[in-house]
Amino acid sequence: MVSIAIDCRQGCGACCIAPSINSPIPGMPNGKPAGIRCVQLNADHQCMIFGQPERPAFCASLQPSLEMCGESQTQAFAWLTRLEQLTQPTLPDSLEQLPLVANQRQVP
């Protein structure tokens, strides 16, 4: 599928809120969870560290496209939220499916 590049939608900021970021961000040393506004996103929804070396590589990798951004901020949030869900590690349905923890003493 070919993605059509577009200009970033002014005032959107969906890519700075919807996804989780696992690398450090100035002001967020542990990254940020999905759905939480990045502290580097200003009131106009512009990245304050855009183009600077401390901007995470993940952020730089998100390039505006018609596929990702859609025709509105709402569509961008929906697409990015779905991408976040699809890229999460799969967890077992219950803790009973987890392997036993090492260092448990076996009684003879």
PDB file of N, CA and C in Angstrom:
ATOM      1  N   MET A   1       0.831  -1.173   0.000  1.00  0.00           N
ATOM      2  CA  MET A   1       0.000   0.000   0.000  1.00  0.00           C
ATOM      3  C   MET A   1       0.882   1.244   0.000  1.00  0.00           C
ATOM      4  N   VAL A   2       0.619   2.153  -0.886  1.00  0.00           N
ATOM      5  CA  VAL A   2       1.374   3.395  -0.982  1.00  0.00           C
ATOM      6  C   VAL A   2       0.700   4.438  -0.102  1.00  0.00           C
ATOM      7  N   SER A   3       1.502   5.101   0.722  1.00  0.00           N
ATOM      8  CA  SER A   3       0.972   6.145   1.593  1.00  0.00           C
ATOM      9  C   SER A   3       1.231   7.497   0.942  1.00  0.00           C
ATOM     10  N   ILE A   4       0.221   8.337   0.911  1.00  0.00           N
ATOM     11  CA  ILE A   4       0.342   9.650   0.286  1.00  0.00           C
ATOM     12  C   ILE A   4       0.778  10.659   1.336  1.00  0.00           C
ATOM     13  N   ALA A   5       1.972  11.269   1.124  1.00  0.00           N
ATOM     14  CA  ALA A   5       2.491  12.263   2.061  1.00  0.00           C
ATOM     15  C   ALA A   5       1.664  13.539   1.979  1.00  0.00           C
ATOM     16  N   ILE A   6       1.463  14.140   3.138  1.00  0.00           N
ATOM     17  CA  ILE A   6       0.734  15.408   3.218  1.00  0.00           C
ATOM     18  C   ILE A   6       1.467  16.319   4.191  1.00  0.00           C
ATOM     19  N   ASP A   7       1.086  17.575   4.237  1.00  0.00           N
ATOM     20  CA  ASP A   7       1.633  18.487   5.236  1.00  0.00           C
ATOM     21  C   ASP A   7       0.982  18.189   6.580  1.00  0.00           C
ATOM     22  N   CYS A   8       1.720  18.421   7.640  1.00  0.00           N
ATOM     23  CA  CYS A   8       1.185  18.229   8.981  1.00  0.00           C
ATOM     24  C   CYS A   8       0.003  19.177   9.191  1.00  0.00           C
ATOM     25  N   ARG A   9      -1.076  18.652   9.760  1.00  0.00           N
ATOM     26  CA  ARG A   9      -2.276  19.454  10.017  1.00  0.00           C
ATOM     27  C   ARG A   9      -2.026  20.337  11.235  1.00  0.00           C
ATOM     28  N   GLN A  10      -2.014  21.627  11.045  1.00  0.00           N
ATOM     29  CA  GLN A  10      -1.803  22.565  12.141  1.00  0.00           C
ATOM     30  C   GLN A  10      -2.871  22.384  13.213  1.00  0.00           C
ATOM     31  N   GLY A  11      -2.437  22.376  14.476  1.00  0.00           N
ATOM     32  CA  GLY A  11      -3.366  22.267  15.589  1.00  0.00           C
ATOM     33  C   GLY A  11      -3.845  20.863  15.887  1.00  0.00           C
ATOM     34  N   CYS A  12      -3.265  19.846  15.261  1.00  0.00           N
ATOM     35  CA  CYS A  12      -3.725  18.470  15.465  1.00  0.00           C
ATOM     36  C   CYS A  12      -3.071  17.850  16.705  1.00  0.00           C
ATOM     37  N   GLY A  13      -1.794  17.521  16.617  1.00  0.00           N
ATOM     38  CA  GLY A  13      -1.065  16.956  17.746  1.00  0.00           C
ATOM     39  C   GLY A  13      -1.375  15.507  18.077  1.00  0.00           C
ATOM     40  N   ALA A  14      -2.166  14.825  17.250  1.00  0.00           N
ATOM     41  CA  ALA A  14      -2.542  13.436  17.550  1.00  0.00           C
ATOM     42  C   ALA A  14      -1.321  12.536  17.704  1.00  0.00           C
ATOM     43  N   CYS A  15      -0.292  12.744  16.902  1.00  0.00           N
ATOM     44  CA  CYS A  15       0.890  11.884  16.963  1.00  0.00           C
ATOM     45  C   CYS A  15       1.727  12.146  18.218  1.00  0.00           C
ATOM     46  N   CYS A  16       1.429  13.215  18.950  1.00  0.00           N
ATOM     47  CA  CYS A  16       2.126  13.531  20.201  1.00  0.00           C
ATOM     48  C   CYS A  16       1.294  13.149  21.426  1.00  0.00           C
ATOM     49  N   ILE A  17       0.122  12.591  21.193  1.00  0.00           N
ATOM     50  CA  ILE A  17      -0.768  12.210  22.291  1.00  0.00           C
ATOM     51  C   ILE A  17      -1.116  10.724  22.216  1.00  0.00           C
ATOM     52  N   ALA A  18      -1.569  10.255  21.071  1.00  0.00           N
ATOM     53  CA  ALA A  18      -2.110   8.891  20.949  1.00  0.00           C
ATOM     54  C   ALA A  18      -1.091   7.780  21.207  1.00  0.00           C
ATOM     55  N   PRO A  19       0.095   7.800  20.600  1.00  0.00           N
ATOM     56  CA  PRO A  19       0.995   6.649  20.776  1.00  0.00           C
ATOM     57  C   PRO A  19       1.794   6.699  22.075  1.00  0.00           C
ATOM     58  N   SER A  20       2.207   5.515  22.526  1.00  0.00           N
ATOM     59  CA  SER A  20       3.168   5.454  23.630  1.00  0.00           C
ATOM     60  C   SER A  20       4.551   5.706  23.038  1.00  0.00           C
ATOM     61  N   ILE A  21       5.427   6.271  23.846  1.00  0.00           N
ATOM     62  CA  ILE A  21       6.811   6.502  23.432  1.00  0.00           C
ATOM     63  C   ILE A  21       7.680   5.905  24.526  1.00  0.00           C
ATOM     64  N   ASN A  22       8.508   4.930  24.169  1.00  0.00           N
ATOM     65  CA  ASN A  22       9.293   4.201  25.158  1.00  0.00           C
ATOM     66  C   ASN A  22      10.653   4.813  25.444  1.00  0.00           C
ATOM     67  N   SER A  23      11.096   5.742  24.629  1.00  0.00           N
ATOM     68  CA  SER A  23      12.393   6.368  24.849  1.00  0.00           C
ATOM     69  C   SER A  23      12.219   7.667  25.632  1.00  0.00           C
ATOM     70  N   PRO A  24      13.292   8.121  26.293  1.00  0.00           N
ATOM     71  CA  PRO A  24      13.197   9.360  27.066  1.00  0.00           C
ATOM     72  C   PRO A  24      12.861  10.567  26.192  1.00  0.00           C
ATOM     73  N   ILE A  25      12.105  11.468  26.781  1.00  0.00           N
ATOM     74  CA  ILE A  25      11.743  12.743  26.166  1.00  0.00           C
ATOM     75  C   ILE A  25      12.122  13.799  27.196  1.00  0.00           C
ATOM     76  N   PRO A  26      12.689  14.939  26.810  1.00  0.00           N
ATOM     77  CA  PRO A  26      12.951  15.972  27.814  1.00  0.00           C
ATOM     78  C   PRO A  26      11.675  16.281  28.611  1.00  0.00           C
ATOM     79  N   GLY A  27      11.774  16.131  29.922  1.00  0.00           N
ATOM     80  CA  GLY A  27      10.623  16.339  30.787  1.00  0.00           C
ATOM     81  C   GLY A  27       9.830  15.072  31.061  1.00  0.00           C
ATOM     82  N   MET A  28      10.128  14.009  30.324  1.00  0.00           N
ATOM     83  CA  MET A  28       9.473  12.706  30.512  1.00  0.00           C
ATOM     84  C   MET A  28      10.557  11.632  30.368  1.00  0.00           C
ATOM     85  N   PRO A  29      11.402  11.471  31.391  1.00  0.00           N
ATOM     86  CA  PRO A  29      12.560  10.578  31.266  1.00  0.00           C
ATOM     87  C   PRO A  29      12.222   9.114  31.010  1.00  0.00           C
ATOM     88  N   ASN A  30      11.003   8.703  31.328  1.00  0.00           N
ATOM     89  CA  ASN A  30      10.597   7.313  31.092  1.00  0.00           C
ATOM     90  C   ASN A  30       9.716   7.175  29.861  1.00  0.00           C
ATOM     91  N   GLY A  31       9.693   8.183  29.014  1.00  0.00           N
ATOM     92  CA  GLY A  31       8.810   8.164  27.859  1.00  0.00           C
ATOM     93  C   GLY A  31       7.404   8.544  28.286  1.00  0.00           C
ATOM     94  N   LYS A  32       6.411   8.137  27.499  1.00  0.00           N
ATOM     95  CA  LYS A  32       5.025   8.473  27.846  1.00  0.00           C
ATOM     96  C   LYS A  32       4.093   7.343  27.459  1.00  0.00           C
ATOM     97  N   PRO A  33       3.050   7.146  28.249  1.00  0.00           N
ATOM     98  CA  PRO A  33       2.050   6.140  27.891  1.00  0.00           C
ATOM     99  C   PRO A  33       1.147   6.629  26.766  1.00  0.00           C
ATOM    100  N   ALA A  34       0.515   5.706  26.106  1.00  0.00           N
ATOM    101  CA  ALA A  34      -0.443   6.043  25.048  1.00  0.00           C
ATOM    102  C   ALA A  34      -1.585   6.868  25.634  1.00  0.00           C
ATOM    103  N   GLY A  35      -2.023   7.849  24.869  1.00  0.00           N
ATOM    104  CA  GLY A  35      -3.156   8.670  25.279  1.00  0.00           C
ATOM    105  C   GLY A  35      -2.806   9.818  26.199  1.00  0.00           C
ATOM    106  N   ILE A  36      -1.545   9.929  26.577  1.00  0.00           N
ATOM    107  CA  ILE A  36      -1.084  11.017  27.444  1.00  0.00           C
ATOM    108  C   ILE A  36      -0.363  12.049  26.587  1.00  0.00           C
ATOM    109  N   ARG A  37      -0.697  13.300  26.796  1.00  0.00           N
ATOM    110  CA  ARG A  37      -0.102  14.402  26.046  1.00  0.00           C
ATOM    111  C   ARG A  37       1.390  14.516  26.378  1.00  0.00           C
ATOM    112  N   CYS A  38       2.221  14.620  25.369  1.00  0.00           N
ATOM    113  CA  CYS A  38       3.652  14.834  25.558  1.00  0.00           C
ATOM    114  C   CYS A  38       3.865  16.227  26.156  1.00  0.00           C
ATOM    115  N   VAL A  39       4.783  16.327  27.121  1.00  0.00           N
ATOM    116  CA  VAL A  39       5.046  17.630  27.741  1.00  0.00           C
ATOM    117  C   VAL A  39       5.688  18.608  26.762  1.00  0.00           C
ATOM    118  N   GLN A  40       6.199  18.104  25.654  1.00  0.00           N
ATOM    119  CA  GLN A  40       6.823  18.974  24.654  1.00  0.00           C
ATOM    120  C   GLN A  40       5.825  19.503  23.622  1.00  0.00           C
ATOM    121  N   LEU A  41       4.559  19.186  23.785  1.00  0.00           N
ATOM    122  CA  LEU A  41       3.519  19.673  22.885  1.00  0.00           C
ATOM    123  C   LEU A  41       2.966  20.967  23.474  1.00  0.00           C
ATOM    124  N   ASN A  42       3.114  22.071  22.738  1.00  0.00           N
ATOM    125  CA  ASN A  42       2.671  23.358  23.283  1.00  0.00           C
ATOM    126  C   ASN A  42       1.165  23.553  23.110  1.00  0.00           C
ATOM    127  N   ALA A  43       0.669  24.693  23.551  1.00  0.00           N
ATOM    128  CA  ALA A  43      -0.774  24.978  23.520  1.00  0.00           C
ATOM    129  C   ALA A  43      -1.333  25.008  22.102  1.00  0.00           C
ATOM    130  N   ASP A  44      -0.477  25.273  21.112  1.00  0.00           N
ATOM    131  CA  ASP A  44      -0.903  25.287  19.708  1.00  0.00           C
ATOM    132  C   ASP A  44      -0.743  23.919  19.050  1.00  0.00           C
ATOM    133  N   HIS A  45      -0.465  22.898  19.859  1.00  0.00           N
ATOM    134  CA  HIS A  45      -0.242  21.528  19.376  1.00  0.00           C
ATOM    135  C   HIS A  45       0.954  21.446  18.431  1.00  0.00           C
ATOM    136  N   GLN A  46       2.017  22.130  18.788  1.00  0.00           N
ATOM    137  CA  GLN A  46       3.266  22.064  18.033  1.00  0.00           C
ATOM    138  C   GLN A  46       4.350  21.511  18.945  1.00  0.00           C
ATOM    139  N   CYS A  47       5.206  20.665  18.377  1.00  0.00           N
ATOM    140  CA  CYS A  47       6.299  20.067  19.137  1.00  0.00           C
ATOM    141  C   CYS A  47       7.377  21.116  19.400  1.00  0.00           C
ATOM    142  N   MET A  48       7.720  21.303  20.668  1.00  0.00           N
ATOM    143  CA  MET A  48       8.727  22.304  21.029  1.00  0.00           C
ATOM    144  C   MET A  48      10.151  21.811  20.797  1.00  0.00           C
ATOM    145  N   ILE A  49      10.334  20.512  20.516  1.00  0.00           N
ATOM    146  CA  ILE A  49      11.679  20.002  20.237  1.00  0.00           C
ATOM    147  C   ILE A  49      11.791  19.471  18.806  1.00  0.00           C
ATOM    148  N   PHE A  50      10.869  19.877  17.947  1.00  0.00           N
ATOM    149  CA  PHE A  50      10.889  19.448  16.547  1.00  0.00           C
ATOM    150  C   PHE A  50      12.231  19.827  15.921  1.00  0.00           C
ATOM    151  N   GLY A  51      12.879  18.863  15.268  1.00  0.00           N
ATOM    152  CA  GLY A  51      14.145  19.108  14.587  1.00  0.00           C
ATOM    153  C   GLY A  51      15.352  19.169  15.497  1.00  0.00           C
ATOM    154  N   GLN A  52      15.181  18.977  16.792  1.00  0.00           N
ATOM    155  CA  GLN A  52      16.299  19.019  17.728  1.00  0.00           C
ATOM    156  C   GLN A  52      16.773  17.600  18.034  1.00  0.00           C
ATOM    157  N   PRO A  53      18.059  17.447  18.387  1.00  0.00           N
ATOM    158  CA  PRO A  53      18.606  16.100  18.594  1.00  0.00           C
ATOM    159  C   PRO A  53      17.955  15.323  19.739  1.00  0.00           C
ATOM    160  N   GLU A  54      17.389  16.003  20.717  1.00  0.00           N
ATOM    161  CA  GLU A  54      16.767  15.291  21.837  1.00  0.00           C
ATOM    162  C   GLU A  54      15.370  14.763  21.516  1.00  0.00           C
ATOM    163  N   ARG A  55      14.862  15.093  20.342  1.00  0.00           N
ATOM    164  CA  ARG A  55      13.560  14.563  19.920  1.00  0.00           C
ATOM    165  C   ARG A  55      13.727  13.070  19.643  1.00  0.00           C
ATOM    166  N   PRO A  56      12.883  12.227  20.241  1.00  0.00           N
ATOM    167  CA  PRO A  56      13.020  10.776  20.042  1.00  0.00           C
ATOM    168  C   PRO A  56      12.925  10.365  18.569  1.00  0.00           C
ATOM    169  N   ALA A  57      13.681   9.341  18.217  1.00  0.00           N
ATOM    170  CA  ALA A  57      13.664   8.827  16.844  1.00  0.00           C
ATOM    171  C   ALA A  57      12.260   8.378  16.451  1.00  0.00           C
ATOM    172  N   PHE A  58      11.512   7.822  17.413  1.00  0.00           N
ATOM    173  CA  PHE A  58      10.141   7.399  17.123  1.00  0.00           C
ATOM    174  C   PHE A  58       9.322   8.575  16.602  1.00  0.00           C
ATOM    175  N   CYS A  59       9.453   9.712  17.258  1.00  0.00           N
ATOM    176  CA  CYS A  59       8.691  10.901  16.847  1.00  0.00           C
ATOM    177  C   CYS A  59       9.076  11.328  15.433  1.00  0.00           C
ATOM    178  N   ALA A  60      10.374  11.325  15.161  1.00  0.00           N
ATOM    179  CA  ALA A  60      10.843  11.718  13.832  1.00  0.00           C
ATOM    180  C   ALA A  60      10.371  10.736  12.765  1.00  0.00           C
ATOM    181  N   SER A  61      10.128   9.486  13.166  1.00  0.00           N
ATOM    182  CA  SER A  61       9.697   8.480  12.189  1.00  0.00           C
ATOM    183  C   SER A  61       8.235   8.646  11.779  1.00  0.00           C
ATOM    184  N   LEU A  62       7.449   9.334  12.575  1.00  0.00           N
ATOM    185  CA  LEU A  62       6.041   9.560  12.229  1.00  0.00           C
ATOM    186  C   LEU A  62       5.946  10.716  11.240  1.00  0.00           C
ATOM    187  N   GLN A  63       5.698  10.387  10.018  1.00  0.00           N
ATOM    188  CA  GLN A  63       5.571  11.394   8.970  1.00  0.00           C
ATOM    189  C   GLN A  63       4.109  11.518   8.570  1.00  0.00           C
ATOM    190  N   PRO A  64       3.601  12.744   8.458  1.00  0.00           N
ATOM    191  CA  PRO A  64       2.189  12.895   8.100  1.00  0.00           C
ATOM    192  C   PRO A  64       1.877  12.253   6.749  1.00  0.00           C
ATOM    193  N   SER A  65       0.788  11.515   6.732  1.00  0.00           N
ATOM    194  CA  SER A  65       0.327  10.884   5.497  1.00  0.00           C
ATOM    195  C   SER A  65      -1.194  10.849   5.536  1.00  0.00           C
ATOM    196  N   LEU A  66      -1.792  10.726   4.383  1.00  0.00           N
ATOM    197  CA  LEU A  66      -3.245  10.652   4.310  1.00  0.00           C
ATOM    198  C   LEU A  66      -3.757   9.434   5.074  1.00  0.00           C
ATOM    199  N   GLU A  67      -3.006   8.328   4.987  1.00  0.00           N
ATOM    200  CA  GLU A  67      -3.394   7.106   5.696  1.00  0.00           C
ATOM    201  C   GLU A  67      -3.434   7.334   7.209  1.00  0.00           C
ATOM    202  N   MET A  68      -2.386   7.928   7.773  1.00  0.00           N
ATOM    203  CA  MET A  68      -2.290   8.123   9.216  1.00  0.00           C
ATOM    204  C   MET A  68      -3.162   9.276   9.700  1.00  0.00           C
ATOM    205  N   CYS A  69      -3.164  10.365   9.000  1.00  0.00           N
ATOM    206  CA  CYS A  69      -3.827  11.578   9.481  1.00  0.00           C
ATOM    207  C   CYS A  69      -5.295  11.670   9.097  1.00  0.00           C
ATOM    208  N   GLY A  70      -5.670  10.970   8.043  1.00  0.00           N
ATOM    209  CA  GLY A  70      -7.057  11.041   7.590  1.00  0.00           C
ATOM    210  C   GLY A  70      -7.432  12.466   7.201  1.00  0.00           C
ATOM    211  N   GLU A  71      -8.687  12.787   7.419  1.00  0.00           N
ATOM    212  CA  GLU A  71      -9.176  14.116   7.050  1.00  0.00           C
ATOM    213  C   GLU A  71      -9.464  14.991   8.259  1.00  0.00           C
ATOM    214  N   SER A  72      -9.155  14.472   9.470  1.00  0.00           N
ATOM    215  CA  SER A  72      -9.428  15.251  10.679  1.00  0.00           C
ATOM    216  C   SER A  72      -8.564  14.741  11.828  1.00  0.00           C
ATOM    217  N   GLN A  73      -8.510  15.526  12.893  1.00  0.00           N
ATOM    218  CA  GLN A  73      -7.800  15.108  14.090  1.00  0.00           C
ATOM    219  C   GLN A  73      -8.436  13.838  14.661  1.00  0.00           C
ATOM    220  N   THR A  74      -9.746  13.749  14.609  1.00  0.00           N
ATOM    221  CA  THR A  74     -10.460  12.569  15.112  1.00  0.00           C
ATOM    222  C   THR A  74     -10.029  11.315  14.362  1.00  0.00           C
ATOM    223  N   GLN A  75      -9.915  11.409  13.039  1.00  0.00           N
ATOM    224  CA  GLN A  75      -9.474  10.256  12.246  1.00  0.00           C
ATOM    225  C   GLN A  75      -8.022   9.907  12.565  1.00  0.00           C
ATOM    226  N   ALA A  76      -7.179  10.915  12.766  1.00  0.00           N
ATOM    227  CA  ALA A  76      -5.781  10.662  13.114  1.00  0.00           C
ATOM    228  C   ALA A  76      -5.688   9.939  14.458  1.00  0.00           C
ATOM    229  N   PHE A  77      -6.440  10.396  15.453  1.00  0.00           N
ATOM    230  CA  PHE A  77      -6.450   9.725  16.755  1.00  0.00           C
ATOM    231  C   PHE A  77      -6.907   8.280  16.618  1.00  0.00           C
ATOM    232  N   ALA A  78      -7.949   8.046  15.847  1.00  0.00           N
ATOM    233  CA  ALA A  78      -8.478   6.688  15.676  1.00  0.00           C
ATOM    234  C   ALA A  78      -7.428   5.778  15.045  1.00  0.00           C
ATOM    235  N   TRP A  79      -6.755   6.240  14.000  1.00  0.00           N
ATOM    236  CA  TRP A  79      -5.758   5.429  13.302  1.00  0.00           C
ATOM    237  C   TRP A  79      -4.574   5.139  14.222  1.00  0.00           C
ATOM    238  N   LEU A  80      -4.061   6.182  14.898  1.00  0.00           N
ATOM    239  CA  LEU A  80      -2.903   6.010  15.773  1.00  0.00           C
ATOM    240  C   LEU A  80      -3.237   5.149  16.991  1.00  0.00           C
ATOM    241  N   THR A  81      -4.437   5.279  17.520  1.00  0.00           N
ATOM    242  CA  THR A  81      -4.859   4.454  18.654  1.00  0.00           C
ATOM    243  C   THR A  81      -4.950   2.993  18.237  1.00  0.00           C
ATOM    244  N   ARG A  82      -5.484   2.742  17.069  1.00  0.00           N
ATOM    245  CA  ARG A  82      -5.574   1.363  16.562  1.00  0.00           C
ATOM    246  C   ARG A  82      -4.180   0.789  16.322  1.00  0.00           C
ATOM    247  N   LEU A  83      -3.281   1.575  15.763  1.00  0.00           N
ATOM    248  CA  LEU A  83      -1.905   1.129  15.558  1.00  0.00           C
ATOM    249  C   LEU A  83      -1.258   0.785  16.899  1.00  0.00           C
ATOM    250  N   GLU A  84      -1.487   1.612  17.891  1.00  0.00           N
ATOM    251  CA  GLU A  84      -0.960   1.356  19.239  1.00  0.00           C
ATOM    252  C   GLU A  84      -1.480   0.014  19.761  1.00  0.00           C
ATOM    253  N   GLN A  85      -2.755  -0.236  19.609  1.00  0.00           N
ATOM    254  CA  GLN A  85      -3.356  -1.492  20.073  1.00  0.00           C
ATOM    255  C   GLN A  85      -2.778  -2.692  19.332  1.00  0.00           C
ATOM    256  N   LEU A  86      -2.598  -2.565  18.036  1.00  0.00           N
ATOM    257  CA  LEU A  86      -2.102  -3.678  17.225  1.00  0.00           C
ATOM    258  C   LEU A  86      -0.643  -4.008  17.488  1.00  0.00           C
ATOM    259  N   THR A  87       0.114  -3.070  18.033  1.00  0.00           N
ATOM    260  CA  THR A  87       1.543  -3.290  18.250  1.00  0.00           C
ATOM    261  C   THR A  87       1.886  -3.591  19.705  1.00  0.00           C
ATOM    262  N   GLN A  88       0.879  -3.786  20.549  1.00  0.00           N
ATOM    263  CA  GLN A  88       1.128  -4.144  21.944  1.00  0.00           C
ATOM    264  C   GLN A  88       1.493  -5.619  22.037  1.00  0.00           C
ATOM    265  N   PRO A  89       2.387  -5.963  22.979  1.00  0.00           N
ATOM    266  CA  PRO A  89       2.691  -7.381  23.172  1.00  0.00           C
ATOM    267  C   PRO A  89       1.440  -8.120  23.643  1.00  0.00           C
ATOM    268  N   THR A  90       1.327  -9.359  23.245  1.00  0.00           N
ATOM    269  CA  THR A  90       0.187 -10.176  23.646  1.00  0.00           C
ATOM    270  C   THR A  90       0.425 -10.701  25.053  1.00  0.00           C
ATOM    271  N   LEU A  91      -0.574 -10.572  25.902  1.00  0.00           N
ATOM    272  CA  LEU A  91      -0.486 -11.078  27.266  1.00  0.00           C
ATOM    273  C   LEU A  91      -1.351 -12.327  27.398  1.00  0.00           C
ATOM    274  N   PRO A  92      -0.984 -13.233  28.305  1.00  0.00           N
ATOM    275  CA  PRO A  92      -1.809 -14.417  28.525  1.00  0.00           C
ATOM    276  C   PRO A  92      -3.188 -14.016  29.041  1.00  0.00           C
ATOM    277  N   ASP A  93      -4.185 -14.863  28.766  1.00  0.00           N
ATOM    278  CA  ASP A  93      -5.546 -14.591  29.227  1.00  0.00           C
ATOM    279  C   ASP A  93      -5.652 -14.609  30.744  1.00  0.00           C
ATOM    280  N   SER A  94      -4.808 -15.379  31.390  1.00  0.00           N
ATOM    281  CA  SER A  94      -4.841 -15.421  32.851  1.00  0.00           C
ATOM    282  C   SER A  94      -3.435 -15.668  33.375  1.00  0.00           C
ATOM    283  N   LEU A  95      -3.254 -15.333  34.621  1.00  0.00           N
ATOM    284  CA  LEU A  95      -1.947 -15.548  35.240  1.00  0.00           C
ATOM    285  C   LEU A  95      -1.610 -17.029  35.343  1.00  0.00           C
ATOM    286  N   GLU A  96      -2.602 -17.892  35.305  1.00  0.00           N
ATOM    287  CA  GLU A  96      -2.363 -19.330  35.392  1.00  0.00           C
ATOM    288  C   GLU A  96      -1.549 -19.834  34.207  1.00  0.00           C
ATOM    289  N   GLN A  97      -1.538 -19.101  33.125  1.00  0.00           N
ATOM    290  CA  GLN A  97      -0.808 -19.525  31.937  1.00  0.00           C
ATOM    291  C   GLN A  97       0.657 -19.101  31.980  1.00  0.00           C
ATOM    292  N   LEU A  98       1.028 -18.287  32.974  1.00  0.00           N
ATOM    293  CA  LEU A  98       2.410 -17.835  33.077  1.00  0.00           C
ATOM    294  C   LEU A  98       3.292 -18.969  33.588  1.00  0.00           C
ATOM    295  N   PRO A  99       4.549 -19.047  33.107  1.00  0.00           N
ATOM    296  CA  PRO A  99       5.452 -20.079  33.614  1.00  0.00           C
ATOM    297  C   PRO A  99       5.809 -19.794  35.073  1.00  0.00           C
ATOM    298  N   LEU A 100       6.215 -20.844  35.787  1.00  0.00           N
ATOM    299  CA  LEU A 100       6.635 -20.672  37.175  1.00  0.00           C
ATOM    300  C   LEU A 100       7.886 -19.822  37.228  1.00  0.00           C
ATOM    301  N   VAL A 101       8.014 -19.075  38.294  1.00  0.00           N
ATOM    302  CA  VAL A 101       9.167 -18.199  38.486  1.00  0.00           C
ATOM    303  C   VAL A 101      10.358 -19.030  38.932  1.00  0.00           C
ATOM    304  N   ALA A 102      11.538 -18.709  38.422  1.00  0.00           N
ATOM    305  CA  ALA A 102      12.760 -19.398  38.823  1.00  0.00           C
ATOM    306  C   ALA A 102      13.054 -19.084  40.290  1.00  0.00           C
ATOM    307  N   ASN A 103      13.961 -19.792  40.874  1.00  0.00           N
ATOM    308  CA  ASN A 103      14.395 -19.618  42.259  1.00  0.00           C
ATOM    309  C   ASN A 103      13.383 -20.156  43.269  1.00  0.00           C
ATOM    310  N   GLN A 104      12.438 -20.941  42.838  1.00  0.00           N
ATOM    311  CA  GLN A 104      11.543 -21.583  43.791  1.00  0.00           C
ATOM    312  C   GLN A 104      12.217 -22.871  44.246  1.00  0.00           C
ATOM    313  N   ARG A 105      12.290 -23.053  45.552  1.00  0.00           N
ATOM    314  CA  ARG A 105      12.923 -24.262  46.090  1.00  0.00           C
ATOM    315  C   ARG A 105      11.973 -25.430  45.957  1.00  0.00           C
ATOM    316  N   GLN A 106      12.507 -26.511  45.505  1.00  0.00           N
ATOM    317  CA  GLN A 106      11.711 -27.735  45.437  1.00  0.00           C
ATOM    318  C   GLN A 106      11.970 -28.544  46.694  1.00  0.00           C
ATOM    319  N   VAL A 107      10.915 -28.991  47.301  1.00  0.00           N
ATOM    320  CA  VAL A 107      11.038 -29.811  48.507  1.00  0.00           C
ATOM    321  C   VAL A 107      11.168 -31.262  48.078  1.00  0.00           C
ATOM    322  N   PRO A 108      12.221 -31.974  48.592  1.00  0.00           N
ATOM    323  CA  PRO A 108      12.397 -33.382  48.201  1.00  0.00           C
ATOM    324  C   PRO A 108      11.318 -34.274  48.748  1.00  0.00           C
TER     325      PRO A 108
END
